[in-house]
């Protein structure tokens, strides 16, 4: 029997700092983490599919930030989201507006023998 875990969450007021246009999002920040925590031990995180969506209201620069997922940094702890404005990294700083993004993750689990 195989199973796919579906987690969903929201990151609010994101403002990348430290010269990086990325943040690490732990799985435990998902709204439904508690009900799926028991299945996480068998998760195949290298095959996880994470779908991020910028949910910032308005038409400012922060609403135009694109989000990609670094598949190499997706592991049993969480995933790394990278941010882009046009073709340039959206690097944190005082002048950048914060933004919000929603995400959904589909994590396949190893087949279990019963």
N, C-alpha and C. Protein backbone atom coordinates (compact mmCIF):
# COMPACT_ATOMS: atom_id res chain seq x y z
N UNK A 1 0.84 -1.16 0.00
CA UNK A 1 0.00 0.00 0.00
C UNK A 1 0.89 1.24 0.00
N UNK A 2 0.58 2.21 -0.82
CA UNK A 2 1.34 3.45 -0.83
C UNK A 2 0.42 4.61 -0.48
N UNK A 3 1.01 5.71 -0.11
CA UNK A 3 0.25 6.86 0.35
C UNK A 3 0.99 8.12 -0.10
N UNK A 4 0.25 9.18 -0.33
CA UNK A 4 0.84 10.48 -0.60
C UNK A 4 0.34 11.43 0.47
N UNK A 5 1.28 12.07 1.13
CA UNK A 5 0.94 13.07 2.14
C UNK A 5 0.72 14.40 1.43
N UNK A 6 -0.34 15.09 1.79
CA UNK A 6 -0.58 16.43 1.25
C UNK A 6 -0.53 17.41 2.42
N UNK A 7 0.44 18.32 2.37
CA UNK A 7 0.56 19.36 3.38
C UNK A 7 0.28 20.70 2.73
N UNK A 8 -0.27 21.64 3.50
CA UNK A 8 -0.48 22.98 2.96
C UNK A 8 -0.18 24.01 4.03
N UNK A 9 0.34 25.15 3.59
CA UNK A 9 0.72 26.18 4.53
C UNK A 9 0.76 27.56 3.90
N UNK A 10 1.09 28.53 4.71
CA UNK A 10 1.17 29.92 4.26
C UNK A 10 2.34 30.58 4.96
N UNK A 11 3.13 31.32 4.21
CA UNK A 11 4.22 32.11 4.76
C UNK A 11 3.80 33.58 4.61
N UNK A 12 3.77 34.29 5.73
CA UNK A 12 3.27 35.66 5.76
C UNK A 12 4.41 36.64 6.06
N UNK A 13 4.35 37.78 5.37
CA UNK A 13 5.34 38.85 5.57
C UNK A 13 6.77 38.36 5.34
N UNK A 14 6.97 37.63 4.25
CA UNK A 14 8.29 37.10 3.92
C UNK A 14 9.17 38.24 3.41
N UNK A 15 10.33 38.34 3.99
CA UNK A 15 11.32 39.32 3.54
C UNK A 15 12.68 38.64 3.66
N UNK A 16 13.17 38.07 2.55
CA UNK A 16 14.46 37.36 2.62
C UNK A 16 15.56 38.30 3.13
N UNK A 17 16.41 37.77 4.00
CA UNK A 17 17.48 38.58 4.56
C UNK A 17 18.82 37.88 4.42
N UNK A 18 19.87 38.57 4.76
CA UNK A 18 21.20 37.97 4.74
C UNK A 18 21.78 37.83 3.35
N UNK A 19 21.32 38.62 2.39
CA UNK A 19 21.87 38.56 1.05
C UNK A 19 21.38 37.38 0.23
N UNK A 20 20.44 36.61 0.75
CA UNK A 20 19.90 35.48 0.01
C UNK A 20 18.48 35.77 -0.44
N UNK A 21 18.14 35.32 -1.61
CA UNK A 21 16.78 35.47 -2.14
C UNK A 21 16.02 34.18 -1.91
N UNK A 22 16.09 33.66 -0.66
CA UNK A 22 15.47 32.37 -0.36
C UNK A 22 15.23 32.25 1.14
N UNK A 23 14.32 31.34 1.50
CA UNK A 23 14.12 30.96 2.90
C UNK A 23 13.91 29.45 2.96
N UNK A 24 14.12 28.90 4.13
CA UNK A 24 13.84 27.48 4.36
C UNK A 24 12.52 27.40 5.11
N UNK A 25 11.59 26.57 4.60
CA UNK A 25 10.27 26.41 5.21
C UNK A 25 10.18 25.00 5.79
N UNK A 26 10.08 24.87 7.12
CA UNK A 26 9.94 23.55 7.73
C UNK A 26 8.55 22.96 7.49
N UNK A 27 8.48 21.64 7.32
CA UNK A 27 7.19 20.98 7.12
C UNK A 27 6.26 21.23 8.29
N UNK A 28 6.82 21.36 9.50
CA UNK A 28 5.99 21.52 10.69
C UNK A 28 5.19 22.82 10.69
N UNK A 29 5.48 23.73 9.77
CA UNK A 29 4.69 24.96 9.66
C UNK A 29 3.41 24.77 8.85
N UNK A 30 3.20 23.58 8.33
CA UNK A 30 1.98 23.29 7.57
C UNK A 30 0.79 23.31 8.52
N UNK A 31 -0.35 23.78 8.02
CA UNK A 31 -1.56 23.82 8.83
C UNK A 31 -1.99 22.43 9.29
N UNK A 32 -1.77 21.43 8.46
CA UNK A 32 -2.22 20.07 8.78
C UNK A 32 -1.06 19.13 9.11
N UNK A 33 0.03 19.66 9.62
CA UNK A 33 1.19 18.83 9.93
C UNK A 33 0.88 17.79 11.00
N UNK A 34 0.20 18.18 12.05
CA UNK A 34 -0.06 17.28 13.17
C UNK A 34 -0.78 16.01 12.74
N UNK A 35 -1.78 16.15 11.88
CA UNK A 35 -2.53 14.97 11.46
C UNK A 35 -1.75 14.07 10.49
N UNK A 36 -0.66 14.59 9.92
CA UNK A 36 0.14 13.79 8.98
C UNK A 36 1.50 13.41 9.53
N UNK A 37 1.83 13.88 10.72
CA UNK A 37 3.17 13.66 11.28
C UNK A 37 3.54 12.18 11.37
N UNK A 38 2.59 11.33 11.69
CA UNK A 38 2.87 9.91 11.81
C UNK A 38 3.29 9.24 10.52
N UNK A 39 2.96 9.82 9.40
CA UNK A 39 3.31 9.25 8.09
C UNK A 39 4.62 9.81 7.54
N UNK A 40 5.13 10.88 8.16
CA UNK A 40 6.30 11.58 7.61
C UNK A 40 7.56 10.71 7.63
N UNK A 41 7.65 9.75 8.53
CA UNK A 41 8.83 8.91 8.64
C UNK A 41 9.07 8.11 7.36
N UNK A 42 8.01 7.79 6.63
CA UNK A 42 8.17 7.01 5.41
C UNK A 42 8.13 7.88 4.15
N UNK A 43 8.19 9.21 4.34
CA UNK A 43 8.14 10.12 3.20
C UNK A 43 9.36 10.01 2.29
N UNK A 44 9.12 10.09 1.00
CA UNK A 44 10.19 10.09 0.00
C UNK A 44 10.37 11.54 -0.44
N UNK A 45 11.10 12.30 0.38
CA UNK A 45 11.18 13.75 0.22
C UNK A 45 11.89 14.18 -1.06
N UNK A 46 12.78 13.34 -1.58
CA UNK A 46 13.46 13.69 -2.83
C UNK A 46 12.49 13.70 -4.01
N UNK A 47 11.32 13.07 -3.84
CA UNK A 47 10.32 13.05 -4.90
C UNK A 47 9.13 13.97 -4.60
N UNK A 48 9.24 14.76 -3.55
CA UNK A 48 8.14 15.65 -3.18
C UNK A 48 7.91 16.72 -4.25
N UNK A 49 6.66 17.08 -4.44
CA UNK A 49 6.29 18.16 -5.35
C UNK A 49 5.70 19.27 -4.49
N UNK A 50 6.34 20.45 -4.52
CA UNK A 50 5.86 21.59 -3.75
C UNK A 50 5.43 22.66 -4.74
N UNK A 51 4.20 23.12 -4.57
CA UNK A 51 3.64 24.14 -5.46
C UNK A 51 3.45 25.43 -4.67
N UNK A 52 4.27 26.46 -4.93
CA UNK A 52 4.12 27.74 -4.25
C UNK A 52 3.30 28.72 -5.10
N UNK A 53 2.53 29.58 -4.43
CA UNK A 53 1.74 30.59 -5.13
C UNK A 53 1.87 31.91 -4.38
N UNK A 54 2.29 32.96 -5.06
CA UNK A 54 2.36 34.28 -4.44
C UNK A 54 0.93 34.75 -4.20
N UNK A 55 0.57 35.00 -2.96
CA UNK A 55 -0.79 35.40 -2.61
C UNK A 55 -0.84 36.84 -2.08
N UNK A 56 0.16 37.65 -2.46
CA UNK A 56 0.22 39.04 -2.04
C UNK A 56 -0.82 39.85 -2.80
N UNK A 57 -1.59 40.66 -2.07
CA UNK A 57 -2.60 41.51 -2.70
C UNK A 57 -1.95 42.75 -3.31
N UNK A 58 -2.59 43.30 -4.30
CA UNK A 58 -2.12 44.54 -4.91
C UNK A 58 -1.35 44.32 -6.18
N UNK A 59 -0.69 45.40 -6.61
CA UNK A 59 0.07 45.37 -7.87
C UNK A 59 1.50 45.84 -7.69
N UNK A 60 1.97 45.90 -6.45
CA UNK A 60 3.34 46.35 -6.18
C UNK A 60 4.38 45.32 -6.57
N UNK A 61 5.64 45.69 -6.33
CA UNK A 61 6.75 44.78 -6.64
C UNK A 61 6.61 43.45 -5.92
N UNK A 62 6.15 43.48 -4.67
CA UNK A 62 6.06 42.24 -3.91
C UNK A 62 5.02 41.28 -4.48
N UNK A 63 3.99 41.82 -5.13
CA UNK A 63 2.97 40.97 -5.75
C UNK A 63 3.50 40.31 -7.02
N UNK A 64 4.61 40.82 -7.55
CA UNK A 64 5.19 40.28 -8.78
C UNK A 64 6.32 39.29 -8.52
N UNK A 65 6.59 38.98 -7.26
CA UNK A 65 7.65 38.04 -6.93
C UNK A 65 7.25 36.63 -7.36
N UNK A 66 8.14 35.97 -8.10
CA UNK A 66 7.93 34.57 -8.48
C UNK A 66 8.67 33.69 -7.48
N UNK A 67 8.15 32.50 -7.29
CA UNK A 67 8.73 31.59 -6.30
C UNK A 67 9.07 30.27 -6.98
N UNK A 68 10.27 29.79 -6.74
CA UNK A 68 10.64 28.46 -7.23
C UNK A 68 11.13 27.64 -6.04
N UNK A 69 11.12 26.33 -6.20
CA UNK A 69 11.53 25.42 -5.13
C UNK A 69 12.85 24.77 -5.51
N UNK A 70 13.80 24.83 -4.61
CA UNK A 70 15.10 24.20 -4.81
C UNK A 70 14.96 22.71 -4.46
N UNK A 71 14.81 21.89 -5.48
CA UNK A 71 14.58 20.45 -5.25
C UNK A 71 15.77 19.78 -4.55
N UNK A 72 16.96 20.29 -4.76
CA UNK A 72 18.14 19.72 -4.11
C UNK A 72 18.13 19.95 -2.60
N UNK A 73 17.42 20.98 -2.15
CA UNK A 73 17.37 21.32 -0.72
C UNK A 73 16.07 20.86 -0.06
N UNK A 74 15.27 20.06 -0.76
CA UNK A 74 14.04 19.51 -0.17
C UNK A 74 14.41 18.21 0.54
N UNK A 75 14.13 18.17 1.85
CA UNK A 75 14.50 16.99 2.63
C UNK A 75 13.46 16.71 3.71
N UNK A 76 13.79 15.83 4.64
CA UNK A 76 12.84 15.43 5.67
C UNK A 76 12.50 16.55 6.65
N UNK A 77 13.25 17.65 6.63
CA UNK A 77 12.97 18.78 7.51
C UNK A 77 12.06 19.81 6.85
N UNK A 78 12.16 19.97 5.54
CA UNK A 78 11.36 20.99 4.85
C UNK A 78 11.87 21.25 3.45
N UNK A 79 11.58 22.45 2.95
CA UNK A 79 12.00 22.81 1.60
C UNK A 79 12.54 24.23 1.56
N UNK A 80 13.29 24.52 0.53
CA UNK A 80 13.87 25.85 0.34
C UNK A 80 13.14 26.52 -0.82
N UNK A 81 12.58 27.71 -0.54
CA UNK A 81 11.89 28.49 -1.57
C UNK A 81 12.81 29.65 -2.00
N UNK A 82 12.93 29.83 -3.31
CA UNK A 82 13.76 30.90 -3.87
C UNK A 82 12.85 31.93 -4.53
N UNK A 83 13.24 33.20 -4.46
CA UNK A 83 12.38 34.30 -4.91
C UNK A 83 13.05 35.10 -6.02
N UNK A 84 12.21 35.46 -7.00
CA UNK A 84 12.69 36.15 -8.20
C UNK A 84 11.77 37.32 -8.52
N UNK A 85 12.36 38.40 -8.97
CA UNK A 85 11.60 39.55 -9.48
C UNK A 85 12.12 39.81 -10.88
N UNK A 86 11.30 39.46 -11.86
CA UNK A 86 11.79 39.48 -13.23
C UNK A 86 12.82 38.37 -13.38
N UNK A 87 14.00 38.71 -13.89
CA UNK A 87 15.04 37.69 -14.04
C UNK A 87 16.12 37.82 -12.97
N UNK A 88 15.84 38.61 -11.91
CA UNK A 88 16.82 38.84 -10.85
C UNK A 88 16.34 38.25 -9.53
N UNK A 89 17.25 37.79 -8.70
CA UNK A 89 16.86 37.31 -7.38
C UNK A 89 16.25 38.44 -6.55
N UNK A 90 15.21 38.14 -5.80
CA UNK A 90 14.56 39.12 -4.93
C UNK A 90 15.27 39.07 -3.58
N UNK A 91 16.39 39.77 -3.50
CA UNK A 91 17.25 39.73 -2.33
C UNK A 91 16.73 40.70 -1.28
N UNK A 92 16.71 40.23 -0.04
CA UNK A 92 16.18 41.02 1.06
C UNK A 92 16.94 42.30 1.33
N UNK A 93 16.25 43.21 1.97
CA UNK A 93 16.82 44.49 2.34
C UNK A 93 15.72 45.41 2.83
N UNK A 94 16.09 46.55 3.33
CA UNK A 94 15.11 47.47 3.89
C UNK A 94 14.14 48.03 2.85
N UNK A 95 14.56 48.13 1.60
CA UNK A 95 13.72 48.74 0.58
C UNK A 95 12.71 47.78 -0.04
N UNK A 96 12.89 46.49 0.17
CA UNK A 96 11.99 45.51 -0.43
C UNK A 96 10.74 45.33 0.42
N UNK A 97 9.62 45.23 -0.26
CA UNK A 97 8.36 45.00 0.43
C UNK A 97 8.22 43.51 0.76
N UNK A 98 7.66 43.20 1.94
CA UNK A 98 7.41 41.79 2.25
C UNK A 98 6.26 41.25 1.40
N UNK A 99 6.18 39.95 1.27
CA UNK A 99 5.12 39.32 0.49
C UNK A 99 4.63 38.07 1.20
N UNK A 100 3.50 37.56 0.76
CA UNK A 100 2.92 36.34 1.31
C UNK A 100 2.89 35.28 0.21
N UNK A 101 3.06 34.02 0.62
CA UNK A 101 2.84 32.97 -0.36
C UNK A 101 2.25 31.73 0.31
N UNK A 102 1.39 31.07 -0.44
CA UNK A 102 0.77 29.82 -0.02
C UNK A 102 1.52 28.69 -0.71
N UNK A 103 1.49 27.52 -0.08
CA UNK A 103 2.14 26.37 -0.70
C UNK A 103 1.38 25.09 -0.38
N UNK A 104 1.49 24.16 -1.32
CA UNK A 104 0.93 22.82 -1.17
C UNK A 104 2.05 21.85 -1.52
N UNK A 105 2.22 20.83 -0.69
CA UNK A 105 3.26 19.83 -0.94
C UNK A 105 2.62 18.44 -1.03
N UNK A 106 3.04 17.69 -2.02
CA UNK A 106 2.63 16.30 -2.19
C UNK A 106 3.88 15.46 -1.96
N UNK A 107 3.87 14.67 -0.90
CA UNK A 107 5.03 13.87 -0.52
C UNK A 107 4.66 12.40 -0.60
N UNK A 108 5.23 11.67 -1.56
CA UNK A 108 4.93 10.23 -1.63
C UNK A 108 5.59 9.51 -0.47
N UNK A 109 4.98 8.44 -0.04
CA UNK A 109 5.52 7.61 1.05
C UNK A 109 5.92 6.25 0.48
N UNK A 110 6.89 5.65 1.13
CA UNK A 110 7.34 4.33 0.72
C UNK A 110 6.22 3.32 0.93
N UNK A 111 6.18 2.32 0.10
CA UNK A 111 5.19 1.24 0.27
C UNK A 111 5.52 0.47 1.54
N UNK A 112 4.51 0.11 2.26
CA UNK A 112 4.70 -0.59 3.53
C UNK A 112 4.17 -2.01 3.40
N UNK A 113 4.89 -2.96 3.94
CA UNK A 113 4.42 -4.34 3.99
C UNK A 113 3.64 -4.53 5.28
N UNK A 114 2.48 -5.13 5.18
CA UNK A 114 1.68 -5.36 6.40
C UNK A 114 1.49 -6.84 6.65
